[in-house]
């Protein structure tokens, strides 16, 4: 299956959410156990707006476990859980402070969602996912913006093709 998606992610409970978009592709043997790759891009990741530019790119490799109600062909519903390793690349630019920093880190992601198919080849997918880096962020230059480990929730939805 391949699912182009659009979503929103937030760095804190008070964060209104940042737009993200990407694609998830995977394979499930007998519709139950499989693996998937997930690529996401979030412009304005830190929400700086007039203070500068920021972005994040995520690439994940996950195992996925689902239960296909209605079978693996034709119409049906498949709730699932997934999790695995993620690479997160954050970028921050601020022209006023003359700062430009890029950080790459390894972390993990876990999520749950549902795929629903209308036919053999087309359906919808939605999921909620938690992503977290294992190491602290380092923005350098004495900047203490969003210190600590990058961690956030992402909610996404898209059309699935199988």
Protein backbone atom coordinates (compact mmCIF):
# COMPACT_ATOMS: atom_id res chain seq x y z
CA UNK A 1 0.00 0.00 0.00
CA UNK A 2 0.97 3.62 -0.54
CA UNK A 3 -0.64 6.52 1.32
CA UNK A 4 0.13 10.17 0.57
CA UNK A 5 -0.99 12.07 3.68
CA UNK A 6 -1.46 15.49 5.23
CA UNK A 7 -1.39 16.06 8.94
CA UNK A 8 -0.61 18.27 11.90
CA UNK A 9 1.94 17.94 14.66
CA UNK A 10 2.57 19.79 17.90
CA UNK A 11 5.59 20.19 20.15
CA UNK A 12 3.57 20.77 23.32
CA UNK A 13 0.07 20.47 24.73
CA UNK A 14 -0.51 24.20 24.10
CA UNK A 15 0.79 24.07 20.52
CA UNK A 16 -1.98 24.67 17.99
CA UNK A 17 -0.27 22.28 15.56
CA UNK A 18 1.98 22.61 12.55
CA UNK A 19 1.12 21.35 9.10
CA UNK A 20 2.97 18.28 7.89
CA UNK A 21 2.78 16.24 4.71
CA UNK A 22 4.34 13.05 3.49
CA UNK A 23 3.89 9.52 2.26
CA UNK A 24 3.75 6.09 3.90
CA UNK A 25 4.35 2.86 1.96
CA UNK A 26 4.26 -0.67 3.29
CA UNK A 27 3.46 -4.33 2.99
CA UNK A 28 1.41 -6.59 5.27
CA UNK A 29 1.57 -10.38 4.94
CA UNK A 30 -2.01 -11.73 5.07
CA UNK A 31 -3.02 -8.22 6.15
CA UNK A 32 -1.77 -8.84 9.70
CA UNK A 33 1.98 -8.29 10.15
CA UNK A 34 4.27 -6.20 8.01
CA UNK A 35 6.60 -3.28 7.67
CA UNK A 36 6.29 0.26 6.38
CA UNK A 37 8.40 3.27 5.54
CA UNK A 38 7.21 6.76 6.42
CA UNK A 39 8.54 10.08 5.11
CA UNK A 40 7.28 13.41 6.45
CA UNK A 41 8.06 17.09 5.98
CA UNK A 42 6.93 19.84 8.36
CA UNK A 43 7.62 23.42 7.26
CA UNK A 44 7.58 25.95 10.10
CA UNK A 45 8.25 23.12 12.57
CA UNK A 46 9.17 25.35 15.53
CA UNK A 47 6.48 27.94 14.67
CA UNK A 48 8.84 30.90 14.41
CA UNK A 49 6.88 32.82 11.74
CA UNK A 50 8.35 36.36 11.78
CA UNK A 51 11.38 35.32 13.88
CA UNK A 52 12.85 32.97 11.28
CA UNK A 53 12.43 29.77 9.33
CA UNK A 54 12.34 26.22 10.62
CA UNK A 55 11.52 22.79 9.28
CA UNK A 56 11.71 19.09 10.09
CA UNK A 57 12.10 16.03 7.91
CA UNK A 58 11.30 12.60 9.32
CA UNK A 59 12.09 9.17 7.89
CA UNK A 60 10.88 6.09 9.74
CA UNK A 61 11.04 2.33 9.34
CA UNK A 62 8.24 0.63 11.26
CA UNK A 63 6.75 -2.75 11.97
CA UNK A 64 2.96 -2.77 11.65
CA UNK A 65 0.41 -5.14 13.19
CA UNK A 66 -3.21 -5.04 12.06
CA UNK A 67 -6.44 -7.01 12.02
CA UNK A 68 -8.25 -7.04 8.65
CA UNK A 69 -12.02 -7.09 9.21
CA UNK A 70 -13.65 -7.99 5.91
CA UNK A 71 -10.56 -9.73 4.51
CA UNK A 72 -7.57 -8.46 2.55
CA UNK A 73 -9.46 -7.90 -0.70
CA UNK A 74 -12.39 -5.67 -1.49
CA UNK A 75 -14.07 -3.48 1.09
CA UNK A 76 -12.92 -3.80 4.68
CA UNK A 77 -11.47 -2.11 7.74
CA UNK A 78 -8.04 -2.66 9.30
CA UNK A 79 -7.15 -1.13 12.70
CA UNK A 80 -3.39 -1.23 13.33
CA UNK A 81 -0.52 -0.35 15.64
CA UNK A 82 2.98 0.45 14.44
CA UNK A 83 6.36 1.44 15.74
CA UNK A 84 10.01 1.59 14.87
CA UNK A 85 13.06 3.77 14.38
CA UNK A 86 12.93 7.33 13.08
CA UNK A 87 15.51 9.79 11.79
CA UNK A 88 14.58 13.43 12.42
CA UNK A 89 16.36 16.34 10.75
CA UNK A 90 15.49 19.76 12.16
CA UNK A 91 16.59 23.05 10.65
CA UNK A 92 16.42 26.54 12.15
CA UNK A 93 17.36 29.88 10.56
CA UNK A 94 17.24 33.32 12.13
CA UNK A 95 18.57 36.25 10.11
CA UNK A 96 18.39 38.69 13.04
CA UNK A 97 20.68 36.58 15.24
CA UNK A 98 22.63 35.33 12.19
CA UNK A 99 22.01 31.71 13.19
CA UNK A 100 21.52 28.68 10.98
CA UNK A 101 21.50 25.24 12.59
CA UNK A 102 20.69 21.76 11.33
CA UNK A 103 20.46 18.76 13.63
CA UNK A 104 20.11 15.09 12.74
CA UNK A 105 19.00 12.58 15.31
CA UNK A 106 17.80 9.02 15.82
CA UNK A 107 14.70 8.22 17.78
CA UNK A 108 11.57 6.11 17.80
CA UNK A 109 7.94 6.44 16.83
CA UNK A 110 4.82 4.57 17.92
CA UNK A 111 1.34 4.96 16.55
CA UNK A 112 -2.11 3.56 15.99
CA UNK A 113 -4.73 4.08 13.35
CA UNK A 114 -7.12 2.57 10.87
CA UNK A 115 -7.27 1.81 7.17
CA UNK A 116 -10.66 1.46 5.53
CA UNK A 117 -11.01 0.23 1.95
CA UNK A 118 -13.91 0.92 -0.42
CA UNK A 119 -12.69 -1.53 -3.05
CA UNK A 120 -9.71 -3.76 -3.90
CA UNK A 121 -7.42 -0.78 -4.51
CA UNK A 122 -8.63 2.44 -2.84
CA UNK A 123 -9.30 3.43 0.76
CA UNK A 124 -8.56 5.93 3.51
CA UNK A 125 -5.97 5.82 6.29
CA UNK A 126 -5.71 7.85 9.47
CA UNK A 127 -3.26 7.59 12.32
CA UNK A 128 -1.89 9.29 15.38
CA UNK A 129 1.83 8.93 16.03
CA UNK A 130 4.29 9.91 18.76
CA UNK A 131 7.85 10.72 17.62
CA UNK A 132 10.80 11.28 19.92
CA UNK A 133 14.54 11.80 19.53
CA UNK A 134 16.85 9.89 21.86
CA UNK A 135 19.41 12.71 22.15
CA UNK A 136 19.11 16.35 23.21
CA UNK A 137 18.74 19.05 20.59
CA UNK A 138 21.66 21.41 20.17
CA UNK A 139 20.78 24.72 18.58
CA UNK A 140 24.11 26.27 19.56
CA UNK A 141 25.02 29.95 19.90
CA UNK A 142 23.55 30.09 23.40
CA UNK A 143 20.01 29.69 22.05
CA UNK A 144 17.76 27.86 24.48
CA UNK A 145 14.76 27.50 22.19
CA UNK A 146 12.81 24.29 22.83
CA UNK A 147 15.67 22.64 24.73
CA UNK A 148 15.90 18.93 25.40
CA UNK A 149 14.74 16.07 23.28
CA UNK A 150 12.50 16.76 20.28
CA UNK A 151 9.23 14.96 20.94
CA UNK A 152 5.82 15.53 19.42
CA UNK A 153 2.51 14.05 18.33
CA UNK A 154 1.41 13.89 14.70
CA UNK A 155 -2.09 13.21 13.40
CA UNK A 156 -2.42 12.41 9.71
CA UNK A 157 -4.92 11.21 7.11
CA UNK A 158 -4.70 10.28 3.46
CA UNK A 159 -5.94 8.19 0.56
CA UNK A 160 -4.50 4.66 0.47
CA UNK A 161 -3.77 2.71 -2.71
CA UNK A 162 -3.08 -1.04 -2.58
